[in-house]
Amino acid sequence: MTMSNKCVLASAVALLLGGVGACGSTQTGVLTGTAWPCVGPSFIHTAHLWVFKDDKVVKHAEVPGGGTYRFVLPPGRYLVTNTGASRAPSNAVVVAGQTTDVNVLDRCK
């Protein structure tokens, strides 16, 4: 059975069972880590994270200092910045079905 036939069969079975076909759907991965704020004691300040792909912002989050962030993203290469400052971004590679850990330090000063 070819991959195309397997895909059709899997989609048909999924539809019969009330689900959505898996073939052709976009798989995602998880980008997570600890984020530190740019100023002051981490426990009273917030880190402002931006995730870029091809010079475009694809995600943004505010995270309590020393807190954990989590983004679900399509596979690819990304830059993660703190307070939007791109001088010292953290590089990340997201792989479908996997979790990538990248800690974002205070690099805004």
N, C-alpha and C. Protein backbone atom coordinates (compact mmCIF):
# COMPACT_ATOMS: atom_id res chain seq x y z
N MET A 1 0.86 -1.17 0.00
CA MET A 1 0.00 0.00 0.00
C MET A 1 0.90 1.23 0.00
N THR A 2 0.63 2.17 -0.87
CA THR A 2 1.44 3.38 -0.95
C THR A 2 1.09 4.32 0.20
N MET A 3 1.98 5.29 0.44
CA MET A 3 1.75 6.27 1.50
C MET A 3 0.47 7.05 1.25
N SER A 4 0.20 7.38 -0.01
CA SER A 4 -1.01 8.11 -0.36
C SER A 4 -2.26 7.30 -0.01
N ASN A 5 -2.24 6.01 -0.32
CA ASN A 5 -3.37 5.14 0.00
C ASN A 5 -3.54 5.00 1.51
N LYS A 6 -2.44 4.90 2.24
CA LYS A 6 -2.51 4.81 3.69
C LYS A 6 -3.13 6.08 4.27
N CYS A 7 -2.77 7.21 3.69
CA CYS A 7 -3.29 8.50 4.14
C CYS A 7 -4.81 8.57 3.91
N VAL A 8 -5.26 8.14 2.76
CA VAL A 8 -6.69 8.13 2.44
C VAL A 8 -7.42 7.21 3.40
N LEU A 9 -6.88 6.02 3.62
CA LEU A 9 -7.49 5.05 4.51
C LEU A 9 -7.56 5.59 5.94
N ALA A 10 -6.46 6.18 6.42
CA ALA A 10 -6.44 6.72 7.78
C ALA A 10 -7.44 7.86 7.93
N SER A 11 -7.55 8.71 6.92
CA SER A 11 -8.51 9.83 6.98
C SER A 11 -9.94 9.32 6.98
N ALA A 12 -10.23 8.29 6.17
CA ALA A 12 -11.58 7.72 6.11
C ALA A 12 -11.96 7.10 7.45
N VAL A 13 -11.04 6.37 8.06
CA VAL A 13 -11.31 5.75 9.35
C VAL A 13 -11.54 6.83 10.41
N ALA A 14 -10.72 7.86 10.40
CA ALA A 14 -10.87 8.94 11.37
C ALA A 14 -12.21 9.63 11.22
N LEU A 15 -12.64 9.86 9.99
CA LEU A 15 -13.93 10.50 9.76
C LEU A 15 -15.08 9.62 10.22
N LEU A 16 -14.98 8.32 9.97
CA LEU A 16 -16.02 7.39 10.41
C LEU A 16 -16.13 7.35 11.93
N LEU A 17 -15.01 7.54 12.61
CA LEU A 17 -15.00 7.51 14.06
C LEU A 17 -15.31 8.88 14.68
N GLY A 18 -15.61 9.85 13.82
CA GLY A 18 -15.98 11.16 14.32
C GLY A 18 -14.82 12.11 14.52
N GLY A 19 -13.66 11.74 14.04
CA GLY A 19 -12.48 12.59 14.19
C GLY A 19 -12.18 13.33 12.91
N VAL A 20 -11.03 13.90 12.87
CA VAL A 20 -10.56 14.63 11.70
C VAL A 20 -9.38 13.88 11.14
N GLY A 21 -9.27 13.80 9.85
CA GLY A 21 -8.16 13.09 9.21
C GLY A 21 -6.83 13.68 9.60
N ALA A 22 -5.83 12.81 9.79
CA ALA A 22 -4.52 13.26 10.23
C ALA A 22 -3.62 13.66 9.07
N CYS A 23 -3.84 13.11 7.90
CA CYS A 23 -2.95 13.40 6.79
C CYS A 23 -3.21 14.80 6.26
N GLY A 24 -2.14 15.49 6.00
CA GLY A 24 -2.28 16.84 5.47
C GLY A 24 -2.46 17.89 6.56
N SER A 25 -2.60 17.46 7.81
CA SER A 25 -2.75 18.44 8.88
C SER A 25 -1.36 18.95 9.27
N THR A 26 -1.32 20.16 9.77
CA THR A 26 -0.06 20.75 10.19
C THR A 26 0.32 20.23 11.56
N GLN A 27 1.47 19.61 11.65
CA GLN A 27 1.94 19.16 12.95
C GLN A 27 2.64 20.31 13.64
N THR A 28 2.66 20.27 14.95
CA THR A 28 3.28 21.34 15.71
C THR A 28 4.25 20.76 16.73
N GLY A 29 5.06 21.63 17.27
CA GLY A 29 5.95 21.30 18.37
C GLY A 29 5.76 22.34 19.45
N VAL A 30 6.43 22.16 20.57
CA VAL A 30 6.30 23.08 21.70
C VAL A 30 7.64 23.74 21.97
N LEU A 31 7.60 25.06 22.14
CA LEU A 31 8.77 25.83 22.55
C LEU A 31 8.49 26.31 23.97
N THR A 32 9.34 25.95 24.90
CA THR A 32 9.10 26.28 26.30
C THR A 32 10.43 26.62 26.98
N GLY A 33 10.33 27.19 28.15
CA GLY A 33 11.52 27.51 28.93
C GLY A 33 11.18 28.51 30.03
N THR A 34 12.21 28.98 30.69
CA THR A 34 12.07 29.96 31.75
C THR A 34 12.42 31.33 31.20
N ALA A 35 11.68 32.35 31.60
CA ALA A 35 11.92 33.71 31.13
C ALA A 35 12.22 34.61 32.32
N TRP A 36 13.21 35.48 32.11
CA TRP A 36 13.61 36.41 33.16
C TRP A 36 13.32 37.83 32.71
N PRO A 37 12.88 38.71 33.60
CA PRO A 37 12.57 40.09 33.22
C PRO A 37 13.85 40.88 32.94
N CYS A 38 13.67 42.03 32.34
CA CYS A 38 14.82 42.86 31.97
C CYS A 38 15.26 43.80 33.07
N VAL A 39 14.43 44.07 34.05
CA VAL A 39 14.81 45.02 35.10
C VAL A 39 14.36 44.52 36.46
N GLY A 40 15.10 44.89 37.49
CA GLY A 40 14.68 44.64 38.86
C GLY A 40 14.64 43.19 39.25
N PRO A 41 14.22 42.96 40.49
CA PRO A 41 14.12 41.58 41.00
C PRO A 41 13.11 40.78 40.18
N SER A 42 13.48 39.58 39.82
CA SER A 42 12.63 38.79 38.92
C SER A 42 11.27 38.48 39.51
N PHE A 43 11.16 38.40 40.83
CA PHE A 43 9.88 38.00 41.41
C PHE A 43 8.82 39.10 41.39
N ILE A 44 9.20 40.36 41.06
CA ILE A 44 8.19 41.42 41.00
C ILE A 44 8.02 42.01 39.60
N HIS A 45 8.77 41.51 38.63
CA HIS A 45 8.69 42.04 37.27
C HIS A 45 8.28 40.96 36.28
N THR A 46 7.91 41.42 35.11
CA THR A 46 7.41 40.54 34.06
C THR A 46 8.36 40.53 32.87
N ALA A 47 8.58 39.35 32.31
CA ALA A 47 9.35 39.23 31.06
C ALA A 47 8.36 39.35 29.90
N HIS A 48 8.74 40.09 28.88
CA HIS A 48 7.91 40.28 27.70
C HIS A 48 8.60 39.58 26.54
N LEU A 49 8.03 38.46 26.09
CA LEU A 49 8.67 37.65 25.06
C LEU A 49 8.00 37.82 23.71
N TRP A 50 8.83 37.87 22.68
CA TRP A 50 8.37 37.90 21.30
C TRP A 50 9.06 36.77 20.57
N VAL A 51 8.31 36.04 19.75
CA VAL A 51 8.88 34.97 18.93
C VAL A 51 8.79 35.42 17.47
N PHE A 52 9.92 35.39 16.78
CA PHE A 52 10.02 35.81 15.39
C PHE A 52 10.32 34.63 14.48
N LYS A 53 9.72 34.65 13.30
CA LYS A 53 10.07 33.72 12.23
C LYS A 53 10.13 34.56 10.96
N ASP A 54 11.27 34.52 10.29
CA ASP A 54 11.47 35.31 9.07
C ASP A 54 11.13 36.79 9.29
N ASP A 55 11.64 37.37 10.37
CA ASP A 55 11.47 38.78 10.71
C ASP A 55 10.02 39.19 10.98
N LYS A 56 9.14 38.23 11.23
CA LYS A 56 7.75 38.53 11.59
C LYS A 56 7.47 38.00 12.99
N VAL A 57 6.73 38.77 13.77
CA VAL A 57 6.33 38.31 15.10
C VAL A 57 5.22 37.29 14.92
N VAL A 58 5.43 36.09 15.48
CA VAL A 58 4.41 35.04 15.37
C VAL A 58 3.74 34.74 16.71
N LYS A 59 4.39 35.11 17.81
CA LYS A 59 3.81 34.91 19.14
C LYS A 59 4.35 35.99 20.07
N HIS A 60 3.56 36.30 21.10
CA HIS A 60 3.97 37.25 22.13
C HIS A 60 3.36 36.79 23.44
N ALA A 61 4.11 36.93 24.53
CA ALA A 61 3.57 36.56 25.84
C ALA A 61 4.24 37.38 26.93
N GLU A 62 3.52 37.62 27.99
CA GLU A 62 4.06 38.22 29.20
C GLU A 62 4.12 37.14 30.25
N VAL A 63 5.30 36.98 30.85
CA VAL A 63 5.53 35.89 31.78
C VAL A 63 6.08 36.46 33.08
N PRO A 64 5.54 36.05 34.23
CA PRO A 64 6.10 36.51 35.50
C PRO A 64 7.59 36.15 35.56
N GLY A 65 8.38 37.03 36.15
CA GLY A 65 9.82 36.80 36.24
C GLY A 65 10.16 35.43 36.79
N GLY A 66 10.99 34.70 36.08
CA GLY A 66 11.37 33.35 36.48
C GLY A 66 10.31 32.31 36.17
N GLY A 67 9.26 32.73 35.46
CA GLY A 67 8.16 31.82 35.12
C GLY A 67 8.43 31.06 33.84
N THR A 68 7.57 30.12 33.57
CA THR A 68 7.71 29.28 32.38
C THR A 68 6.77 29.76 31.29
N TYR A 69 7.30 29.85 30.07
CA TYR A 69 6.47 30.19 28.92
C TYR A 69 6.28 28.92 28.09
N ARG A 70 5.25 28.93 27.24
CA ARG A 70 4.97 27.77 26.39
C ARG A 70 4.26 28.25 25.12
N PHE A 71 4.87 27.98 23.98
CA PHE A 71 4.29 28.31 22.69
C PHE A 71 4.15 27.04 21.86
N VAL A 72 3.01 26.85 21.22
CA VAL A 72 2.81 25.77 20.27
C VAL A 72 3.01 26.36 18.89
N LEU A 73 3.99 25.80 18.15
CA LEU A 73 4.40 26.38 16.87
C LEU A 73 4.59 25.33 15.80
N PRO A 74 4.45 25.71 14.54
CA PRO A 74 4.81 24.80 13.45
C PRO A 74 6.33 24.58 13.47
N PRO A 75 6.79 23.47 12.92
CA PRO A 75 8.23 23.22 12.88
C PRO A 75 8.97 24.34 12.16
N GLY A 76 10.18 24.63 12.63
CA GLY A 76 10.99 25.65 11.97
C GLY A 76 11.97 26.30 12.92
N ARG A 77 12.70 27.28 12.37
CA ARG A 77 13.68 28.04 13.15
C ARG A 77 13.05 29.35 13.60
N TYR A 78 13.28 29.69 14.87
CA TYR A 78 12.70 30.88 15.46
C TYR A 78 13.74 31.65 16.26
N LEU A 79 13.47 32.93 16.49
CA LEU A 79 14.24 33.75 17.41
C LEU A 79 13.30 34.17 18.52
N VAL A 80 13.75 34.07 19.77
CA VAL A 80 12.96 34.48 20.92
C VAL A 80 13.68 35.65 21.56
N THR A 81 12.96 36.77 21.73
CA THR A 81 13.56 37.94 22.35
C THR A 81 12.80 38.34 23.59
N ASN A 82 13.50 39.04 24.47
CA ASN A 82 12.93 39.55 25.70
C ASN A 82 12.73 41.05 25.52
N THR A 83 11.55 41.55 25.80
CA THR A 83 11.10 42.92 25.56
C THR A 83 11.29 43.36 24.12
N GLY A 84 11.27 42.44 23.20
CA GLY A 84 11.34 42.78 21.79
C GLY A 84 12.71 43.21 21.32
N ALA A 85 13.70 43.23 22.21
CA ALA A 85 15.04 43.64 21.82
C ALA A 85 15.70 42.52 21.04
N SER A 86 16.06 42.80 19.81
CA SER A 86 16.63 41.74 18.97
C SER A 86 18.15 41.72 18.99
N ARG A 87 18.77 42.48 19.91
CA ARG A 87 20.23 42.51 19.95
C ARG A 87 20.83 41.17 20.35
N ALA A 88 20.18 40.46 21.21
CA ALA A 88 20.72 39.18 21.69
C ALA A 88 19.60 38.15 21.77
N PRO A 89 19.03 37.77 20.64
CA PRO A 89 17.92 36.81 20.68
C PRO A 89 18.42 35.40 20.99
N SER A 90 17.51 34.59 21.46
CA SER A 90 17.79 33.18 21.66
C SER A 90 17.30 32.44 20.43
N ASN A 91 18.12 31.56 19.89
CA ASN A 91 17.73 30.75 18.73
C ASN A 91 16.99 29.51 19.20
N ALA A 92 16.00 29.10 18.43
CA ALA A 92 15.24 27.90 18.75
C ALA A 92 14.87 27.17 17.48
N VAL A 93 14.92 25.85 17.53
CA VAL A 93 14.46 25.02 16.42
C VAL A 93 13.34 24.16 16.95
N VAL A 94 12.15 24.35 16.40
CA VAL A 94 10.97 23.58 16.82
C VAL A 94 10.79 22.41 15.88
N VAL A 95 10.61 21.22 16.45
CA VAL A 95 10.43 19.99 15.69
C VAL A 95 9.03 19.45 16.01
N ALA A 96 8.31 19.02 14.98
CA ALA A 96 6.95 18.50 15.17
C ALA A 96 6.96 17.35 16.17
N GLY A 97 6.01 17.39 17.10
CA GLY A 97 5.85 16.32 18.07
C GLY A 97 6.87 16.32 19.19
N GLN A 98 7.72 17.35 19.26
CA GLN A 98 8.74 17.41 20.29
C GLN A 98 8.66 18.72 21.06
N THR A 99 9.33 18.74 22.21
CA THR A 99 9.40 19.95 23.02
C THR A 99 10.83 20.47 22.98
N THR A 100 10.97 21.76 22.71
CA THR A 100 12.27 22.42 22.67
C THR A 100 12.34 23.37 23.86
N ASP A 101 13.38 23.22 24.69
CA ASP A 101 13.56 24.08 25.86
C ASP A 101 14.59 25.16 25.56
N VAL A 102 14.18 26.42 25.72
CA VAL A 102 15.08 27.56 25.54
C VAL A 102 14.79 28.54 26.67
N ASN A 103 15.77 28.74 27.54
CA ASN A 103 15.62 29.73 28.61
C ASN A 103 15.98 31.10 28.06
N VAL A 104 15.13 32.08 28.35
CA VAL A 104 15.33 33.44 27.85
C VAL A 104 15.81 34.29 29.02
N LEU A 105 17.08 34.67 28.94
CA LEU A 105 17.71 35.42 30.03
C LEU A 105 17.47 36.91 29.88
N ASP A 106 17.88 37.64 30.91
CA ASP A 106 17.82 39.10 30.90
C ASP A 106 18.92 39.60 29.97
N ARG A 107 18.56 39.91 28.74
CA ARG A 107 19.54 40.39 27.76
C ARG A 107 19.13 41.76 27.22
N CYS A 108 18.36 42.49 27.97
CA CYS A 108 17.78 43.72 27.47
C CYS A 108 18.56 44.97 27.83
N LYS A 109 19.50 44.86 28.74
CA LYS A 109 20.24 46.03 29.20
C LYS A 109 21.37 46.34 28.26
